[in-house]
Amino acid sequence: MALVLIACLVLTAALAWWIFTAPAPVHTLSDLEVKRQALQERKKSVYDNLRDLHFEHLAGKLSDADYERTRRMLEGEVTGVTAALDQLS
């Protein structure tokens, strides 16, 4: 019985320590890092869209004209995002 009581006290103390100790400081990103991260995510998203567009064209879901128009638009967006990333560097 005493062993169970000691185990409960140790568990309670460990749980209290875990609950009430201060969490590790959160690393906050600078405005520049936030903008860079957003641009990198946008670039990845546009490349994913280009890949999906190519697949849909191969599957026959898009006409040649729609494919070319959308591809040019997405490639232009990638160029703009890449240029913005280069300016941040």
PDB file of N, CA and C in Angstrom:
ATOM      1  N   MET A   1       0.826  -1.193   0.000  1.00  0.00           N
ATOM      2  CA  MET A   1       0.000   0.000   0.000  1.00  0.00           C
ATOM      3  C   MET A   1       0.869   1.256   0.000  1.00  0.00           C
ATOM      4  N   ALA A   2       1.941   1.241   0.791  1.00  0.00           N
ATOM      5  CA  ALA A   2       2.826   2.391   0.868  1.00  0.00           C
ATOM      6  C   ALA A   2       3.533   2.605  -0.461  1.00  0.00           C
ATOM      7  N   LEU A   3       3.859   1.523  -1.137  1.00  0.00           N
ATOM      8  CA  LEU A   3       4.520   1.618  -2.438  1.00  0.00           C
ATOM      9  C   LEU A   3       3.612   2.282  -3.471  1.00  0.00           C
ATOM     10  N   VAL A   4       2.325   1.963  -3.439  1.00  0.00           N
ATOM     11  CA  VAL A   4       1.358   2.579  -4.352  1.00  0.00           C
ATOM     12  C   VAL A   4       1.232   4.061  -4.049  1.00  0.00           C
ATOM     13  N   LEU A   5       1.204   4.428  -2.776  1.00  0.00           N
ATOM     14  CA  LEU A   5       1.120   5.828  -2.373  1.00  0.00           C
ATOM     15  C   LEU A   5       2.353   6.605  -2.831  1.00  0.00           C
ATOM     16  N   ILE A   6       3.523   6.026  -2.689  1.00  0.00           N
ATOM     17  CA  ILE A   6       4.761   6.680  -3.129  1.00  0.00           C
ATOM     18  C   ILE A   6       4.748   6.850  -4.650  1.00  0.00           C
ATOM     19  N   ALA A   7       4.314   5.826  -5.368  1.00  0.00           N
ATOM     20  CA  ALA A   7       4.243   5.911  -6.834  1.00  0.00           C
ATOM     21  C   ALA A   7       3.279   7.001  -7.265  1.00  0.00           C
ATOM     22  N   CYS A   8       2.141   7.104  -6.573  1.00  0.00           N
ATOM     23  CA  CYS A   8       1.163   8.165  -6.901  1.00  0.00           C
ATOM     24  C   CYS A   8       1.735   9.550  -6.628  1.00  0.00           C
ATOM     25  N   LEU A   9       2.462   9.695  -5.532  1.00  0.00           N
ATOM     26  CA  LEU A   9       3.064  10.987  -5.206  1.00  0.00           C
ATOM     27  C   LEU A   9       4.129  11.368  -6.229  1.00  0.00           C
ATOM     28  N   VAL A  10       4.936  10.407  -6.633  1.00  0.00           N
ATOM     29  CA  VAL A  10       5.964  10.678  -7.642  1.00  0.00           C
ATOM     30  C   VAL A  10       5.307  11.055  -8.961  1.00  0.00           C
ATOM     31  N   LEU A  11       4.284  10.328  -9.349  1.00  0.00           N
ATOM     32  CA  LEU A  11       3.569  10.635 -10.593  1.00  0.00           C
ATOM     33  C   LEU A  11       2.917  12.013 -10.524  1.00  0.00           C
ATOM     34  N   THR A  12       2.314  12.340  -9.388  1.00  0.00           N
ATOM     35  CA  THR A  12       1.686  13.655  -9.204  1.00  0.00           C
ATOM     36  C   THR A  12       2.729  14.764  -9.285  1.00  0.00           C
ATOM     37  N   ALA A  13       3.876  14.559  -8.635  1.00  0.00           N
ATOM     38  CA  ALA A  13       4.936  15.565  -8.672  1.00  0.00           C
ATOM     39  C   ALA A  13       5.458  15.746 -10.095  1.00  0.00           C
ATOM     40  N   ALA A  14       5.640  14.651 -10.803  1.00  0.00           N
ATOM     41  CA  ALA A  14       6.121  14.746 -12.188  1.00  0.00           C
ATOM     42  C   ALA A  14       5.101  15.455 -13.068  1.00  0.00           C
ATOM     43  N   LEU A  15       3.835  15.133 -12.903  1.00  0.00           N
ATOM     44  CA  LEU A  15       2.780  15.787 -13.686  1.00  0.00           C
ATOM     45  C   LEU A  15       2.699  17.276 -13.359  1.00  0.00           C
ATOM     46  N   ALA A  16       2.796  17.627 -12.080  1.00  0.00           N
ATOM     47  CA  ALA A  16       2.766  19.041 -11.685  1.00  0.00           C
ATOM     48  C   ALA A  16       3.963  19.783 -12.267  1.00  0.00           C
ATOM     49  N   TRP A  17       5.126  19.166 -12.232  1.00  0.00           N
ATOM     50  CA  TRP A  17       6.313  19.805 -12.818  1.00  0.00           C
ATOM     51  C   TRP A  17       6.115  20.038 -14.314  1.00  0.00           C
ATOM     52  N   TRP A  18       5.574  19.048 -15.011  1.00  0.00           N
ATOM     53  CA  TRP A  18       5.355  19.157 -16.457  1.00  0.00           C
ATOM     54  C   TRP A  18       4.330  20.242 -16.782  1.00  0.00           C
ATOM     55  N   ILE A  19       3.285  20.358 -15.969  1.00  0.00           N
ATOM     56  CA  ILE A  19       2.229  21.341 -16.229  1.00  0.00           C
ATOM     57  C   ILE A  19       2.704  22.757 -15.919  1.00  0.00           C
ATOM     58  N   PHE A  20       3.418  22.936 -14.824  1.00  0.00           N
ATOM     59  CA  PHE A  20       3.718  24.285 -14.346  1.00  0.00           C
ATOM     60  C   PHE A  20       5.075  24.844 -14.745  1.00  0.00           C
ATOM     61  N   THR A  21       5.909  24.061 -15.373  1.00  0.00           N
ATOM     62  CA  THR A  21       7.180  24.637 -15.825  1.00  0.00           C
ATOM     63  C   THR A  21       6.943  25.460 -17.069  1.00  0.00           C
ATOM     64  N   ALA A  22       7.769  26.475 -17.245  1.00  0.00           N
ATOM     65  CA  ALA A  22       7.615  27.386 -18.379  1.00  0.00           C
ATOM     66  C   ALA A  22       7.969  26.669 -19.681  1.00  0.00           C
ATOM     67  N   PRO A  23       7.180  26.895 -20.717  1.00  0.00           N
ATOM     68  CA  PRO A  23       7.514  26.283 -22.004  1.00  0.00           C
ATOM     69  C   PRO A  23       8.764  26.932 -22.595  1.00  0.00           C
ATOM     70  N   ALA A  24       9.364  26.233 -23.510  1.00  0.00           N
ATOM     71  CA  ALA A  24      10.547  26.781 -24.177  1.00  0.00           C
ATOM     72  C   ALA A  24      10.145  28.041 -24.939  1.00  0.00           C
ATOM     73  N   PRO A  25      11.035  29.012 -24.992  1.00  0.00           N
ATOM     74  CA  PRO A  25      10.693  30.238 -25.714  1.00  0.00           C
ATOM     75  C   PRO A  25      10.418  29.936 -27.187  1.00  0.00           C
ATOM     76  N   VAL A  26       9.397  30.599 -27.697  1.00  0.00           N
ATOM     77  CA  VAL A  26       9.004  30.412 -29.086  1.00  0.00           C
ATOM     78  C   VAL A  26       9.861  31.323 -29.952  1.00  0.00           C
ATOM     79  N   HIS A  27      10.437  30.749 -30.987  1.00  0.00           N
ATOM     80  CA  HIS A  27      11.247  31.543 -31.909  1.00  0.00           C
ATOM     81  C   HIS A  27      10.310  32.313 -32.832  1.00  0.00           C
ATOM     82  N   THR A  28      10.396  33.621 -32.773  1.00  0.00           N
ATOM     83  CA  THR A  28       9.563  34.432 -33.652  1.00  0.00           C
ATOM     84  C   THR A  28      10.348  34.783 -34.900  1.00  0.00           C
ATOM     85  N   LEU A  29       9.675  34.756 -36.008  1.00  0.00           N
ATOM     86  CA  LEU A  29      10.309  35.050 -37.289  1.00  0.00           C
ATOM     87  C   LEU A  29      10.265  36.546 -37.563  1.00  0.00           C
ATOM     88  N   SER A  30      11.298  37.036 -38.189  1.00  0.00           N
ATOM     89  CA  SER A  30      11.305  38.441 -38.583  1.00  0.00           C
ATOM     90  C   SER A  30      10.367  38.613 -39.772  1.00  0.00           C
ATOM     91  N   ASP A  31      10.036  39.860 -40.066  1.00  0.00           N
ATOM     92  CA  ASP A  31       9.163  40.136 -41.209  1.00  0.00           C
ATOM     93  C   ASP A  31       9.769  39.617 -42.505  1.00  0.00           C
ATOM     94  N   LEU A  32      11.075  39.738 -42.624  1.00  0.00           N
ATOM     95  CA  LEU A  32      11.769  39.261 -43.819  1.00  0.00           C
ATOM     96  C   LEU A  32      11.655  37.742 -43.948  1.00  0.00           C
ATOM     97  N   GLU A  33      11.837  37.032 -42.828  1.00  0.00           N
ATOM     98  CA  GLU A  33      11.728  35.578 -42.856  1.00  0.00           C
ATOM     99  C   GLU A  33      10.306  35.132 -43.175  1.00  0.00           C
ATOM    100  N   VAL A  34       9.317  35.836 -42.645  1.00  0.00           N
ATOM    101  CA  VAL A  34       7.917  35.511 -42.920  1.00  0.00           C
ATOM    102  C   VAL A  34       7.617  35.705 -44.400  1.00  0.00           C
ATOM    103  N   LYS A  35       8.092  36.809 -44.958  1.00  0.00           N
ATOM    104  CA  LYS A  35       7.855  37.073 -46.383  1.00  0.00           C
ATOM    105  C   LYS A  35       8.565  36.035 -47.252  1.00  0.00           C
ATOM    106  N   ARG A  36       9.791  35.687 -46.899  1.00  0.00           N
ATOM    107  CA  ARG A  36      10.542  34.677 -47.656  1.00  0.00           C
ATOM    108  C   ARG A  36       9.822  33.333 -47.611  1.00  0.00           C
ATOM    109  N   GLN A  37       9.357  32.966 -46.436  1.00  0.00           N
ATOM    110  CA  GLN A  37       8.658  31.694 -46.291  1.00  0.00           C
ATOM    111  C   GLN A  37       7.362  31.686 -47.109  1.00  0.00           C
ATOM    112  N   ALA A  38       6.627  32.784 -47.091  1.00  0.00           N
ATOM    113  CA  ALA A  38       5.390  32.864 -47.867  1.00  0.00           C
ATOM    114  C   ALA A  38       5.681  32.762 -49.366  1.00  0.00           C
ATOM    115  N   LEU A  39       6.742  33.429 -49.816  1.00  0.00           N
ATOM    116  CA  LEU A  39       7.093  33.364 -51.238  1.00  0.00           C
ATOM    117  C   LEU A  39       7.546  31.953 -51.632  1.00  0.00           C
ATOM    118  N   GLN A  40       8.291  31.289 -50.761  1.00  0.00           N
ATOM    119  CA  GLN A  40       8.721  29.925 -51.071  1.00  0.00           C
ATOM    120  C   GLN A  40       7.533  28.972 -51.132  1.00  0.00           C
ATOM    121  N   GLU A  41       6.573  29.166 -50.239  1.00  0.00           N
ATOM    122  CA  GLU A  41       5.370  28.334 -50.274  1.00  0.00           C
ATOM    123  C   GLU A  41       4.561  28.611 -51.540  1.00  0.00           C
ATOM    124  N   ARG A  42       4.483  29.877 -51.943  1.00  0.00           N
ATOM    125  CA  ARG A  42       3.759  30.219 -53.170  1.00  0.00           C
ATOM    126  C   ARG A  42       4.448  29.606 -54.385  1.00  0.00           C
ATOM    127  N   LYS A  43       5.767  29.661 -54.414  1.00  0.00           N
ATOM    128  CA  LYS A  43       6.529  29.079 -55.523  1.00  0.00           C
ATOM    129  C   LYS A  43       6.267  27.579 -55.618  1.00  0.00           C
ATOM    130  N   LYS A  44       6.292  26.903 -54.475  1.00  0.00           N
ATOM    131  CA  LYS A  44       6.014  25.462 -54.469  1.00  0.00           C
ATOM    132  C   LYS A  44       4.595  25.195 -54.962  1.00  0.00           C
ATOM    133  N   SER A  45       3.663  26.011 -54.539  1.00  0.00           N
ATOM    134  CA  SER A  45       2.270  25.841 -54.948  1.00  0.00           C
ATOM    135  C   SER A  45       2.105  26.006 -56.455  1.00  0.00           C
ATOM    136  N   VAL A  46       2.775  26.998 -57.024  1.00  0.00           N
ATOM    137  CA  VAL A  46       2.670  27.222 -58.469  1.00  0.00           C
ATOM    138  C   VAL A  46       3.306  26.065 -59.231  1.00  0.00           C
ATOM    139  N   TYR A  47       4.443  25.567 -58.756  1.00  0.00           N
ATOM    140  CA  TYR A  47       5.061  24.408 -59.414  1.00  0.00           C
ATOM    141  C   TYR A  47       4.149  23.180 -59.325  1.00  0.00           C
ATOM    142  N   ASP A  48       3.471  23.005 -58.190  1.00  0.00           N
ATOM    143  CA  ASP A  48       2.508  21.913 -58.069  1.00  0.00           C
ATOM    144  C   ASP A  48       1.369  22.085 -59.072  1.00  0.00           C
ATOM    145  N   ASN A  49       0.909  23.330 -59.232  1.00  0.00           N
ATOM    146  CA  ASN A  49      -0.150  23.612 -60.207  1.00  0.00           C
ATOM    147  C   ASN A  49       0.317  23.314 -61.626  1.00  0.00           C
ATOM    148  N   LEU A  50       1.558  23.646 -61.929  1.00  0.00           N
ATOM    149  CA  LEU A  50       2.098  23.344 -63.259  1.00  0.00           C
ATOM    150  C   LEU A  50       2.140  21.834 -63.498  1.00  0.00           C
ATOM    151  N   ARG A  51       2.554  21.098 -62.497  1.00  0.00           N
ATOM    152  CA  ARG A  51       2.600  19.636 -62.621  1.00  0.00           C
ATOM    153  C   ARG A  51       1.195  19.072 -62.848  1.00  0.00           C
ATOM    154  N   ASP A  52       0.217  19.555 -62.071  1.00  0.00           N
ATOM    155  CA  ASP A  52      -1.159  19.099 -62.230  1.00  0.00           C
ATOM    156  C   ASP A  52      -1.726  19.487 -63.588  1.00  0.00           C
ATOM    157  N   LEU A  53      -1.384  20.690 -64.034  1.00  0.00           N
ATOM    158  CA  LEU A  53      -1.844  21.150 -65.341  1.00  0.00           C
ATOM    159  C   LEU A  53      -1.328  20.237 -66.440  1.00  0.00           C
ATOM    160  N   HIS A  54      -0.061  19.882 -66.365  1.00  0.00           N
ATOM    161  CA  HIS A  54       0.535  18.994 -67.364  1.00  0.00           C
ATOM    162  C   HIS A  54      -0.161  17.633 -67.354  1.00  0.00           C
ATOM    163  N   PHE A  55      -0.430  17.105 -66.171  1.00  0.00           N
ATOM    164  CA  PHE A  55      -1.109  15.816 -66.060  1.00  0.00           C
ATOM    165  C   PHE A  55      -2.507  15.883 -66.661  1.00  0.00           C
ATOM    166  N   GLU A  56      -3.250  16.950 -66.344  1.00  0.00           N
ATOM    167  CA  GLU A  56      -4.606  17.086 -66.880  1.00  0.00           C
ATOM    168  C   GLU A  56      -4.595  17.243 -68.397  1.00  0.00           C
ATOM    169  N   HIS A  57      -3.584  17.915 -68.930  1.00  0.00           N
ATOM    170  CA  HIS A  57      -3.473  18.044 -70.381  1.00  0.00           C
ATOM    171  C   HIS A  57      -3.200  16.686 -71.014  1.00  0.00           C
ATOM    172  N   LEU A  58      -2.294  15.921 -70.404  1.00  0.00           N
ATOM    173  CA  LEU A  58      -2.001  14.582 -70.918  1.00  0.00           C
ATOM    174  C   LEU A  58      -3.223  13.669 -70.829  1.00  0.00           C
ATOM    175  N   ALA A  59      -4.058  13.873 -69.821  1.00  0.00           N
ATOM    176  CA  ALA A  59      -5.251  13.057 -69.644  1.00  0.00           C
ATOM    177  C   ALA A  59      -6.377  13.484 -70.583  1.00  0.00           C
ATOM    178  N   GLY A  60      -6.176  14.576 -71.314  1.00  0.00           N
ATOM    179  CA  GLY A  60      -7.179  15.036 -72.266  1.00  0.00           C
ATOM    180  C   GLY A  60      -8.263  15.911 -71.670  1.00  0.00           C
ATOM    181  N   LYS A  61      -8.049  16.406 -70.467  1.00  0.00           N
ATOM    182  CA  LYS A  61      -9.047  17.254 -69.816  1.00  0.00           C
ATOM    183  C   LYS A  61      -8.953  18.709 -70.251  1.00  0.00           C
ATOM    184  N   LEU A  62      -7.837  19.091 -70.889  1.00  0.00           N
ATOM    185  CA  LEU A  62      -7.635  20.477 -71.324  1.00  0.00           C
ATOM    186  C   LEU A  62      -7.277  20.500 -72.798  1.00  0.00           C
ATOM    187  N   SER A  63      -7.780  21.520 -73.468  1.00  0.00           N
ATOM    188  CA  SER A  63      -7.384  21.699 -74.865  1.00  0.00           C
ATOM    189  C   SER A  63      -5.964  22.241 -74.911  1.00  0.00           C
ATOM    190  N   ASP A  64      -5.352  22.150 -76.078  1.00  0.00           N
ATOM    191  CA  ASP A  64      -3.992  22.672 -76.237  1.00  0.00           C
ATOM    192  C   ASP A  64      -3.931  24.164 -75.939  1.00  0.00           C
ATOM    193  N   ALA A  65      -4.943  24.897 -76.423  1.00  0.00           N
ATOM    194  CA  ALA A  65      -4.957  26.354 -76.221  1.00  0.00           C
ATOM    195  C   ALA A  65      -5.085  26.696 -74.736  1.00  0.00           C
ATOM    196  N   ASP A  66      -5.980  26.021 -74.024  1.00  0.00           N
ATOM    197  CA  ASP A  66      -6.142  26.281 -72.583  1.00  0.00           C
ATOM    198  C   ASP A  66      -4.874  25.913 -71.815  1.00  0.00           C
ATOM    199  N   TYR A  67      -4.272  24.806 -72.205  1.00  0.00           N
ATOM    200  CA  TYR A  67      -3.042  24.373 -71.549  1.00  0.00           C
ATOM    201  C   TYR A  67      -1.943  25.413 -71.732  1.00  0.00           C
ATOM    202  N   GLU A  68      -1.731  25.854 -72.963  1.00  0.00           N
ATOM    203  CA  GLU A  68      -0.658  26.822 -73.228  1.00  0.00           C
ATOM    204  C   GLU A  68      -0.909  28.139 -72.506  1.00  0.00           C
ATOM    205  N   ARG A  69      -2.162  28.618 -72.530  1.00  0.00           N
ATOM    206  CA  ARG A  69      -2.487  29.887 -71.882  1.00  0.00           C
ATOM    207  C   ARG A  69      -2.252  29.796 -70.377  1.00  0.00           C
ATOM    208  N   THR A  70      -2.728  28.731 -69.757  1.00  0.00           N
ATOM    209  CA  THR A  70      -2.566  28.571 -68.314  1.00  0.00           C
ATOM    210  C   THR A  70      -1.109  28.331 -67.935  1.00  0.00           C
ATOM    211  N   ARG A  71      -0.408  27.555 -68.759  1.00  0.00           N
ATOM    212  CA  ARG A  71       1.009  27.294 -68.492  1.00  0.00           C
ATOM    213  C   ARG A  71       1.812  28.590 -68.523  1.00  0.00           C
ATOM    214  N   ARG A  72       1.560  29.430 -69.534  1.00  0.00           N
ATOM    215  CA  ARG A  72       2.279  30.718 -69.620  1.00  0.00           C
ATOM    216  C   ARG A  72       1.976  31.587 -68.406  1.00  0.00           C
ATOM    217  N   MET A  73       0.722  31.594 -67.976  1.00  0.00           N
ATOM    218  CA  MET A  73       0.337  32.395 -66.821  1.00  0.00           C
ATOM    219  C   MET A  73       1.075  31.905 -65.562  1.00  0.00           C
ATOM    220  N   LEU A  74       1.097  30.591 -65.354  1.00  0.00           N
ATOM    221  CA  LEU A  74       1.761  30.039 -64.175  1.00  0.00           C
ATOM    222  C   LEU A  74       3.269  30.242 -64.235  1.00  0.00           C
ATOM    223  N   GLU A  75       3.860  30.085 -65.411  1.00  0.00           N
ATOM    224  CA  GLU A  75       5.301  30.317 -65.542  1.00  0.00           C
ATOM    225  C   GLU A  75       5.641  31.777 -65.283  1.00  0.00           C
ATOM    226  N   GLY A  76       4.769  32.688 -65.697  1.00  0.00           N
ATOM    227  CA  GLY A  76       4.976  34.108 -65.395  1.00  0.00           C
ATOM    228  C   GLY A  76       4.911  34.377 -63.904  1.00  0.00           C
ATOM    229  N   GLU A  77       4.004  33.686 -63.238  1.00  0.00           N
ATOM    230  CA  GLU A  77       3.895  33.862 -61.795  1.00  0.00           C
ATOM    231  C   GLU A  77       5.137  33.320 -61.086  1.00  0.00           C
ATOM    232  N   VAL A  78       5.646  32.181 -61.538  1.00  0.00           N
ATOM    233  CA  VAL A  78       6.872  31.630 -60.953  1.00  0.00           C
ATOM    234  C   VAL A  78       8.026  32.605 -61.152  1.00  0.00           C
ATOM    235  N   THR A  79       8.091  33.203 -62.323  1.00  0.00           N
ATOM    236  CA  THR A  79       9.157  34.176 -62.591  1.00  0.00           C
ATOM    237  C   THR A  79       9.067  35.348 -61.620  1.00  0.00           C
ATOM    238  N   GLY A  80       7.854  35.849 -61.392  1.00  0.00           N
ATOM    239  CA  GLY A  80       7.671  36.963 -60.462  1.00  0.00           C
ATOM    240  C   GLY A  80       8.025  36.593 -59.035  1.00  0.00           C
ATOM    241  N   VAL A  81       7.612  35.417 -58.604  1.00  0.00           N
ATOM    242  CA  VAL A  81       7.911  34.975 -57.242  1.00  0.00           C
ATOM    243  C   VAL A  81       9.405  34.756 -57.073  1.00  0.00           C
ATOM    244  N   THR A  82      10.048  34.172 -58.071  1.00  0.00           N
ATOM    245  CA  THR A  82      11.493  33.951 -58.005  1.00  0.00           C
ATOM    246  C   THR A  82      12.237  35.274 -57.950  1.00  0.00           C
ATOM    247  N   ALA A  83      11.800  36.241 -58.734  1.00  0.00           N
ATOM    248  CA  ALA A  83      12.435  37.564 -58.704  1.00  0.00           C
ATOM    249  C   ALA A  83      12.262  38.213 -57.337  1.00  0.00           C
ATOM    250  N   ALA A  84      11.088  38.062 -56.741  1.00  0.00           N
ATOM    251  CA  ALA A  84      10.853  38.629 -55.408  1.00  0.00           C
ATOM    252  C   ALA A  84      11.750  37.939 -54.373  1.00  0.00           C
ATOM    253  N   LEU A  85      11.925  36.638 -54.503  1.00  0.00           N
ATOM    254  CA  LEU A  85      12.827  35.923 -53.590  1.00  0.00           C
ATOM    255  C   LEU A  85      14.271  36.380 -53.772  1.00  0.00           C
ATOM    256  N   ASP A  86      14.676  36.603 -55.010  1.00  0.00           N
ATOM    257  CA  ASP A  86      16.036  37.076 -55.269  1.00  0.00           C
ATOM    258  C   ASP A  86      16.269  38.453 -54.658  1.00  0.00           C
ATOM    259  N   GLN A  87      15.246  39.302 -54.673  1.00  0.00           N
ATOM    260  CA  GLN A  87      15.378  40.645 -54.098  1.00  0.00           C
ATOM    261  C   GLN A  87      15.535  40.580 -52.580  1.00  0.00           C
ATOM    262  N   LEU A  88      14.955  39.560 -51.969  1.00  0.00           N
ATOM    263  CA  LEU A  88      15.068  39.431 -50.514  1.00  0.00           C
ATOM    264  C   LEU A  88      16.444  38.950 -50.090  1.00  0.00           C
ATOM    265  N   SER A  89      17.140  38.279 -50.981  1.00  0.00           N
ATOM    266  CA  SER A  89      18.453  37.710 -50.632  1.00  0.00           C
ATOM    267  C   SER A  89      19.535  38.747 -50.577  1.00  0.00           C
TER     268      SER A  89
END
